[in-house]
Structures are given as structure tokens and as C-alpha cells.
Amino acid sequence: MLAVITSVLMGACSSEKAESGPGERNEVVATALARVEADLGKPVKLDVKTFKSADDWALVDGQLQDTGGSAPSRYEGLLRKTGPKWTILESVIGSTDAQWVGWKSKYPEAPAQIWP
């Protein structure tokens, strides 16, 4: 399982638009991926298209694909670091709309730099 997560994280790094160090980015993506896999009940890959973070907040937008190669599904997640851990505040799988637009007004304390 660790090898799968590591390979997914390494693959995701190449297509990200990041504003943080790789360690933080990997922690955020691993947190999001763990929740997605638990929700779906199967391992998946997360190809991160957009990653933005600032002041212990992070926004992730990417494509999910299961290991069997089924059609990709969109993922969006808003996370916040509390103490040493990242917590998912909001996430959605399969939406065709930009969910972050609603999250921006719901979380006015989030730094402007994380929004696309």
C-alpha cells in the first residue's frame, strides 16, 4: 500500500501548480487520497491538476482513476492544517462544477492565495 501511495504522489507532483514545499504537498495529497480510497472502497490514483496552499490551508483539484483504468472522475478538496495533521474540511468526487466557489464564501478566513 505504501508503494502505491508513493507512486501516486510522485506522479501527481509532476502536474501540480504548487505554492508550497514538496513535503507539505505530499501530506495534503496523501490525506485527500486516503479519504477518497476509504469512501470508494478501492485504491485509486489522483492526478493533481491544481494544488495551492498558504497559511495552513490547501486546495486540491484533480482527476481520480482507479487502478483498472476506468474513466476519470474529478476530485476537489479543501484542507486545513491543525497541529501536525491536515484535516479535510470539504471534498467532492465527480462534480462537474467548481465547488471551491461555494467554499470560498463559506470559509472567508481562508487566504485568498489558495483560490484559483
Protein backbone atom coordinates (compact mmCIF):
# COMPACT_ATOMS: atom_id res chain seq x y z
CA MET A 1 0.00 0.00 0.00
CA LEU A 2 2.86 2.40 0.83
CA ALA A 3 4.39 1.75 -2.59
CA VAL A 4 1.07 2.56 -4.29
CA ILE A 5 0.65 5.81 -2.35
CA THR A 6 4.26 6.80 -3.02
CA SER A 7 3.94 6.17 -6.76
CA VAL A 8 0.67 8.12 -6.90
CA LEU A 9 2.19 11.03 -5.02
CA MET A 10 5.25 11.09 -7.24
CA GLY A 11 3.09 11.00 -10.36
CA ALA A 12 0.83 13.73 -9.01
CA CYS A 13 3.75 16.04 -8.32
CA SER A 14 4.67 16.39 -11.98
CA SER A 15 1.41 18.05 -12.99
CA GLU A 16 0.77 20.26 -9.99
CA LYS A 17 0.79 24.02 -9.73
CA ALA A 18 2.19 24.31 -6.23
CA GLU A 19 2.88 27.12 -3.84
CA SER A 20 4.44 25.04 -1.08
CA GLY A 21 7.24 22.60 -0.47
CA PRO A 22 7.03 19.01 -1.64
CA GLY A 23 6.70 17.61 1.90
CA GLU A 24 3.60 19.65 2.63
CA ARG A 25 2.13 18.93 -0.80
CA ASN A 26 2.66 15.20 -0.31
CA GLU A 27 0.99 15.31 3.12
CA VAL A 28 -2.08 17.09 1.72
CA VAL A 29 -2.40 14.75 -1.26
CA ALA A 30 -1.93 11.67 0.95
CA THR A 31 -4.66 12.90 3.32
CA ALA A 32 -7.06 13.51 0.42
CA LEU A 33 -6.22 10.19 -1.24
CA ALA A 34 -6.74 8.20 1.97
CA ARG A 35 -10.25 9.66 2.36
CA VAL A 36 -11.14 9.03 -1.28
CA GLU A 37 -9.98 5.42 -1.12
CA ALA A 38 -11.93 4.87 2.11
CA ASP A 39 -15.06 6.42 0.57
CA LEU A 40 -14.78 4.43 -2.66
CA GLY A 41 -13.56 1.22 -1.04
CA LYS A 42 -10.78 0.71 -3.57
CA PRO A 43 -7.35 2.09 -4.45
CA VAL A 44 -7.27 5.00 -6.89
CA LYS A 45 -4.79 7.38 -8.46
CA LEU A 46 -5.08 11.12 -8.00
CA ASP A 47 -3.64 13.18 -10.84
CA VAL A 48 -3.45 16.62 -9.25
CA LYS A 49 -4.10 19.41 -11.74
CA THR A 50 -4.10 22.31 -9.27
CA PHE A 51 -2.58 22.50 -5.81
CA LYS A 52 -2.49 25.75 -3.89
CA SER A 53 -1.61 26.33 -0.25
CA ALA A 54 -1.00 29.20 2.13
CA ASP A 55 -1.16 29.74 5.89
CA ASP A 56 -2.06 26.10 6.72
CA TRP A 57 -4.84 25.95 4.09
CA ALA A 58 -4.76 23.93 0.87
CA LEU A 59 -6.94 23.43 -2.20
CA VAL A 60 -6.58 20.33 -4.38
CA ASP A 61 -8.24 19.81 -7.77
CA GLY A 62 -7.51 16.76 -9.89
CA GLN A 63 -8.68 13.62 -11.64
CA LEU A 64 -9.29 10.25 -9.98
CA GLN A 65 -8.79 7.00 -11.83
CA ASP A 66 -8.97 3.52 -10.41
CA THR A 67 -6.13 1.07 -10.96
CA GLY A 68 -8.20 -0.75 -13.58
CA GLY A 69 -8.10 2.36 -15.78
CA SER A 70 -11.79 3.24 -15.61
CA ALA A 71 -12.91 6.70 -16.73
CA PRO A 72 -11.53 9.52 -14.60
CA SER A 73 -13.66 11.44 -12.15
CA ARG A 74 -12.97 14.93 -10.82
CA TYR A 75 -11.89 15.49 -7.22
CA GLU A 76 -11.83 18.76 -5.31
CA GLY A 77 -10.79 19.16 -1.70
CA LEU A 78 -10.26 21.94 0.82
CA LEU A 79 -7.97 21.10 3.71
CA ARG A 80 -6.65 22.91 6.77
CA LYS A 81 -3.71 22.03 8.97
CA THR A 82 -4.47 21.90 12.67
CA GLY A 83 -1.48 20.94 14.74
CA PRO A 84 0.65 18.42 12.86
CA LYS A 85 -2.20 16.97 10.76
CA TRP A 86 -4.15 18.04 7.69
CA THR A 87 -7.93 17.84 8.01
CA ILE A 88 -10.37 17.70 5.11
CA LEU A 89 -12.95 20.46 5.54
CA GLU A 90 -14.72 19.88 2.23
CA SER A 91 -14.34 17.39 -0.60
CA VAL A 92 -16.32 16.22 -3.58
CA ILE A 93 -15.93 13.43 -6.12
CA GLY A 94 -17.43 13.59 -9.58
CA SER A 95 -18.66 17.16 -9.65
CA THR A 96 -18.63 18.99 -12.97
CA ASP A 97 -18.90 22.40 -11.28
CA ALA A 98 -16.15 24.28 -9.44
CA GLN A 99 -17.13 23.51 -5.84
CA TRP A 100 -14.43 25.81 -4.48
CA VAL A 101 -16.56 28.82 -5.45
CA GLY A 102 -19.02 27.98 -2.67
CA TRP A 103 -16.23 27.07 -0.28
CA LYS A 104 -14.65 30.49 -0.79
CA SER A 105 -17.70 32.21 0.69
CA LYS A 106 -18.20 29.53 3.36
CA TYR A 107 -14.61 29.93 4.62
CA PRO A 108 -13.85 33.68 4.40
CA GLU A 109 -10.89 33.19 6.76
CA ALA A 110 -9.07 31.09 4.13
CA PRO A 111 -6.24 33.02 2.45
CA ALA A 112 -7.03 34.47 -0.98
CA GLN A 113 -3.90 32.80 -2.46
CA ILE A 114 -5.45 29.32 -2.37
CA TRP A 115 -8.34 30.13 -4.67
CA PRO A 116 -7.88 29.75 -8.45
